[in-house]
Amino acid sequence: MRGVCVVSFDSGKSVDTASMPISAYADDTRYAGFWIRFAAYIVDSILANIMLFIPVTILLMVAAMAGFSPKDPIISLAINMFILIGIAVYYLAFMASGWQATPGKRILGLHVIKTDGRKIGWSLAFGRYLAYIPSSLFLGVGFFMIGWSDEKKGMHDIICRTRVVHGKPQPRNLSTVFE
């Protein structure tokens, strides 16, 4: 986004703000690129699998004691739904919390924020989780966009107006940018 007006500073010189980027972040904001976000995804996949292993094993043991086979369609569906819901809860609970990131992102020093630097809430975290679906279509091109864009935005970031950044930036008051 760029400014569109001409501003006169104390020196009396006019500056065309159309050539100046307007950022909602402090000047030292660093966007997280594809590879570090991919590493965070790997860490999260490992942690989520560890967290889900015990409950899924217990569910399978209970089903076996009740006389069901793990290959039964209803048991398979129940296990898959439990895993899907478990991964969603893992993602949402951490993203909407004060952490502003999943454990994998936090380990690597990353935070997910709105474009104005504020933390995301439950509804935006859920929307971002659902926005992974279009990002994964067409061989995951929505994720590869992270490596191609200036602000390291994936399709899900564009859809939800979020950014993944190094550190925890403080939002800037945009009303005072040109004072």
Foldseek 3Di string as FASTA:
>chain_A
DWDQDWDADPVRDIDGRRPPDQAQFPPPWAFDFLPLVVQLVVVLVVVLCVVVVVVLVVLCVVCVVVPHHCPPPVNVVVSVVVSVVSSLCQQLVCCQDPNQGHPSQVVVQKHKDARNQHGDHNVLSNQLVVQVVVCPPPPNVQSVVLNVDPQSHGSSCVVSRMTMTHHRTDTDDSVPPRD
